[in-house]
N, C-alpha and C. Protein backbone atom coordinates (compact mmCIF):
# COMPACT_ATOMS: atom_id res chain seq x y z
N MET A 1 0.86 -1.18 0.00
CA MET A 1 0.00 0.00 0.00
C MET A 1 0.90 1.23 0.00
N ALA A 2 0.32 2.34 -0.43
CA ALA A 2 1.06 3.60 -0.43
C ALA A 2 1.32 4.06 0.99
N ALA A 3 2.17 5.02 1.13
CA ALA A 3 2.48 5.57 2.45
C ALA A 3 1.25 6.21 3.07
N ALA A 4 1.27 6.30 4.38
CA ALA A 4 0.16 6.91 5.11
C ALA A 4 0.02 8.37 4.71
N GLN A 5 -1.21 8.78 4.53
CA GLN A 5 -1.54 10.16 4.19
C GLN A 5 -2.41 10.71 5.31
N GLY A 6 -1.82 11.29 6.33
CA GLY A 6 -2.60 11.81 7.43
C GLY A 6 -3.23 10.70 8.23
N SER A 7 -4.55 10.59 8.17
CA SER A 7 -5.27 9.61 8.97
C SER A 7 -5.70 8.39 8.17
N GLU A 8 -5.10 8.17 6.98
CA GLU A 8 -5.47 7.01 6.18
C GLU A 8 -4.31 6.58 5.30
N ILE A 9 -4.42 5.34 4.83
CA ILE A 9 -3.48 4.80 3.85
C ILE A 9 -4.29 4.61 2.58
N GLU A 10 -3.78 5.12 1.47
CA GLU A 10 -4.52 5.01 0.21
C GLU A 10 -3.59 4.48 -0.88
N ARG A 11 -4.18 3.64 -1.73
CA ARG A 11 -3.44 3.12 -2.88
C ARG A 11 -4.40 2.96 -4.04
N GLU A 12 -3.93 3.33 -5.22
CA GLU A 12 -4.71 3.13 -6.43
C GLU A 12 -3.93 2.20 -7.34
N LEU A 13 -4.64 1.21 -7.89
CA LEU A 13 -4.01 0.22 -8.75
C LEU A 13 -4.77 0.16 -10.07
N SER A 14 -4.05 -0.19 -11.13
CA SER A 14 -4.64 -0.41 -12.44
C SER A 14 -4.39 -1.86 -12.83
N PHE A 15 -5.37 -2.45 -13.49
CA PHE A 15 -5.30 -3.86 -13.88
C PHE A 15 -5.49 -4.00 -15.39
N ALA A 16 -5.19 -5.17 -15.90
CA ALA A 16 -5.28 -5.42 -17.34
C ALA A 16 -6.70 -5.25 -17.87
N ASP A 17 -7.68 -5.61 -17.04
CA ASP A 17 -9.06 -5.51 -17.49
C ASP A 17 -10.00 -5.53 -16.28
N PHE A 18 -11.30 -5.44 -16.56
CA PHE A 18 -12.32 -5.40 -15.51
C PHE A 18 -12.30 -6.67 -14.67
N ALA A 19 -12.18 -7.81 -15.32
CA ALA A 19 -12.19 -9.08 -14.59
C ALA A 19 -11.03 -9.17 -13.61
N ALA A 20 -9.85 -8.71 -14.00
CA ALA A 20 -8.69 -8.73 -13.10
C ALA A 20 -8.91 -7.79 -11.92
N ALA A 21 -9.52 -6.64 -12.15
CA ALA A 21 -9.81 -5.69 -11.07
C ALA A 21 -10.79 -6.31 -10.07
N ILE A 22 -11.83 -6.96 -10.58
CA ILE A 22 -12.81 -7.61 -9.70
C ILE A 22 -12.17 -8.75 -8.93
N ASN A 23 -11.32 -9.52 -9.57
CA ASN A 23 -10.62 -10.60 -8.89
C ASN A 23 -9.79 -10.06 -7.73
N PHE A 24 -9.09 -8.95 -7.95
CA PHE A 24 -8.30 -8.34 -6.89
C PHE A 24 -9.20 -7.88 -5.74
N VAL A 25 -10.32 -7.23 -6.06
CA VAL A 25 -11.26 -6.78 -5.03
C VAL A 25 -11.75 -7.96 -4.20
N ASN A 26 -12.05 -9.06 -4.84
CA ASN A 26 -12.52 -10.25 -4.12
C ASN A 26 -11.43 -10.80 -3.19
N ARG A 27 -10.19 -10.75 -3.62
CA ARG A 27 -9.09 -11.24 -2.79
C ARG A 27 -8.87 -10.31 -1.59
N VAL A 28 -8.99 -9.01 -1.82
CA VAL A 28 -8.89 -8.05 -0.71
C VAL A 28 -10.04 -8.30 0.27
N ALA A 29 -11.23 -8.55 -0.25
CA ALA A 29 -12.39 -8.81 0.61
C ALA A 29 -12.16 -10.03 1.50
N GLU A 30 -11.54 -11.07 0.97
CA GLU A 30 -11.25 -12.26 1.78
C GLU A 30 -10.28 -11.92 2.91
N LEU A 31 -9.24 -11.16 2.61
CA LEU A 31 -8.31 -10.74 3.65
C LEU A 31 -9.01 -9.89 4.70
N ALA A 32 -9.82 -8.96 4.24
CA ALA A 32 -10.51 -8.05 5.15
C ALA A 32 -11.47 -8.81 6.07
N GLU A 33 -12.18 -9.76 5.54
CA GLU A 33 -13.09 -10.55 6.36
C GLU A 33 -12.32 -11.35 7.41
N SER A 34 -11.20 -11.93 6.99
CA SER A 34 -10.38 -12.70 7.94
C SER A 34 -9.85 -11.82 9.06
N ALA A 35 -9.51 -10.57 8.73
CA ALA A 35 -8.97 -9.64 9.71
C ALA A 35 -10.05 -8.89 10.46
N ASN A 36 -11.30 -9.00 10.01
CA ASN A 36 -12.41 -8.22 10.55
C ASN A 36 -12.05 -6.72 10.56
N HIS A 37 -11.44 -6.32 9.45
CA HIS A 37 -11.03 -4.92 9.27
C HIS A 37 -11.20 -4.61 7.79
N HIS A 38 -12.06 -3.66 7.46
CA HIS A 38 -12.52 -3.51 6.09
C HIS A 38 -12.13 -2.16 5.49
N PRO A 39 -11.41 -2.19 4.38
CA PRO A 39 -11.04 -0.95 3.71
C PRO A 39 -12.21 -0.40 2.91
N ASP A 40 -12.14 0.87 2.58
CA ASP A 40 -13.05 1.43 1.59
C ASP A 40 -12.49 0.99 0.24
N ILE A 41 -13.36 0.46 -0.61
CA ILE A 41 -12.94 -0.03 -1.93
C ILE A 41 -13.75 0.71 -2.98
N PHE A 42 -13.05 1.32 -3.92
CA PHE A 42 -13.69 2.07 -5.00
C PHE A 42 -13.20 1.51 -6.32
N LEU A 43 -14.10 0.88 -7.07
CA LEU A 43 -13.80 0.35 -8.39
C LEU A 43 -14.29 1.38 -9.40
N HIS A 44 -13.39 1.87 -10.25
CA HIS A 44 -13.80 2.90 -11.21
C HIS A 44 -13.11 2.68 -12.54
N GLY A 45 -13.64 3.39 -13.53
CA GLY A 45 -13.17 3.10 -14.87
C GLY A 45 -13.51 1.65 -15.18
N TRP A 46 -12.75 1.05 -15.97
CA TRP A 46 -12.99 -0.37 -16.27
C TRP A 46 -11.93 -1.26 -15.66
N ASN A 47 -10.89 -0.62 -15.06
CA ASN A 47 -9.79 -1.45 -14.56
C ASN A 47 -9.04 -0.84 -13.37
N LYS A 48 -9.64 0.11 -12.68
CA LYS A 48 -8.93 0.78 -11.58
C LYS A 48 -9.62 0.51 -10.24
N VAL A 49 -8.79 0.33 -9.21
CA VAL A 49 -9.28 0.10 -7.85
C VAL A 49 -8.52 1.03 -6.92
N ARG A 50 -9.27 1.76 -6.09
CA ARG A 50 -8.66 2.58 -5.05
C ARG A 50 -9.05 1.98 -3.70
N LEU A 51 -8.05 1.74 -2.85
CA LEU A 51 -8.27 1.22 -1.51
C LEU A 51 -7.88 2.31 -0.51
N THR A 52 -8.70 2.47 0.51
CA THR A 52 -8.40 3.40 1.58
C THR A 52 -8.57 2.67 2.90
N LEU A 53 -7.51 2.69 3.71
CA LEU A 53 -7.55 2.06 5.03
C LEU A 53 -7.49 3.13 6.11
N SER A 54 -8.36 2.99 7.08
CA SER A 54 -8.40 3.85 8.26
C SER A 54 -9.29 3.17 9.28
N THR A 55 -9.01 3.36 10.54
CA THR A 55 -9.86 2.82 11.58
C THR A 55 -10.79 3.94 12.02
N HIS A 56 -11.97 3.96 11.42
CA HIS A 56 -12.92 5.06 11.64
C HIS A 56 -13.27 5.22 13.12
N SER A 57 -13.40 4.11 13.83
CA SER A 57 -13.78 4.19 15.25
C SER A 57 -12.68 4.83 16.10
N GLN A 58 -11.44 4.83 15.58
CA GLN A 58 -10.32 5.41 16.31
C GLN A 58 -9.92 6.78 15.74
N GLY A 59 -10.57 7.17 14.66
CA GLY A 59 -10.28 8.47 14.06
C GLY A 59 -8.94 8.55 13.34
N GLY A 60 -8.43 7.43 12.89
CA GLY A 60 -7.16 7.46 12.18
C GLY A 60 -6.58 6.08 12.00
N LEU A 61 -5.28 6.03 11.89
CA LEU A 61 -4.59 4.78 11.62
C LEU A 61 -4.27 4.01 12.90
N THR A 62 -4.41 2.69 12.80
CA THR A 62 -4.04 1.80 13.90
C THR A 62 -3.19 0.67 13.33
N GLU A 63 -2.69 -0.17 14.21
CA GLU A 63 -1.90 -1.31 13.78
C GLU A 63 -2.68 -2.19 12.81
N ALA A 64 -3.99 -2.30 12.98
CA ALA A 64 -4.82 -3.12 12.09
C ALA A 64 -4.72 -2.63 10.64
N ASP A 65 -4.64 -1.32 10.45
CA ASP A 65 -4.53 -0.76 9.09
C ASP A 65 -3.20 -1.17 8.45
N PHE A 66 -2.12 -1.03 9.21
CA PHE A 66 -0.80 -1.37 8.67
C PHE A 66 -0.66 -2.87 8.42
N LYS A 67 -1.25 -3.67 9.29
CA LYS A 67 -1.20 -5.13 9.10
C LYS A 67 -1.96 -5.53 7.83
N LEU A 68 -3.17 -5.01 7.64
CA LEU A 68 -3.94 -5.35 6.45
C LEU A 68 -3.25 -4.81 5.20
N ALA A 69 -2.70 -3.61 5.26
CA ALA A 69 -1.99 -3.05 4.12
C ALA A 69 -0.82 -3.95 3.72
N SER A 70 -0.12 -4.48 4.69
CA SER A 70 0.99 -5.38 4.42
C SER A 70 0.50 -6.66 3.73
N GLN A 71 -0.61 -7.20 4.20
CA GLN A 71 -1.17 -8.40 3.58
C GLN A 71 -1.61 -8.12 2.15
N ILE A 72 -2.21 -6.98 1.92
CA ILE A 72 -2.65 -6.61 0.56
C ILE A 72 -1.44 -6.46 -0.35
N ASP A 73 -0.35 -5.87 0.16
CA ASP A 73 0.86 -5.71 -0.64
C ASP A 73 1.43 -7.04 -1.10
N ARG A 74 1.18 -8.11 -0.38
CA ARG A 74 1.71 -9.41 -0.75
C ARG A 74 0.85 -10.14 -1.78
N LEU A 75 -0.31 -9.58 -2.12
CA LEU A 75 -1.12 -10.19 -3.18
C LEU A 75 -0.39 -10.02 -4.51
N PRO A 76 -0.35 -11.07 -5.32
CA PRO A 76 0.33 -10.94 -6.63
C PRO A 76 -0.46 -10.04 -7.58
């Protein structure tokens, strides 16, 4: 994931096509469910995904955000 920006971590990715973008979103969703920590996911265009991590209940970043970001970074 990209570096922390204030109270959130944000990353935008581009994929070969719509199906690849959806596949990535589904893989992120599996990680998020396992961690019980859910990023904001924005699918736009036909192949772009923006992820934003923040712990809303804490008003900013927590260890859970950095841990999930690290797991997402390891997705191929």
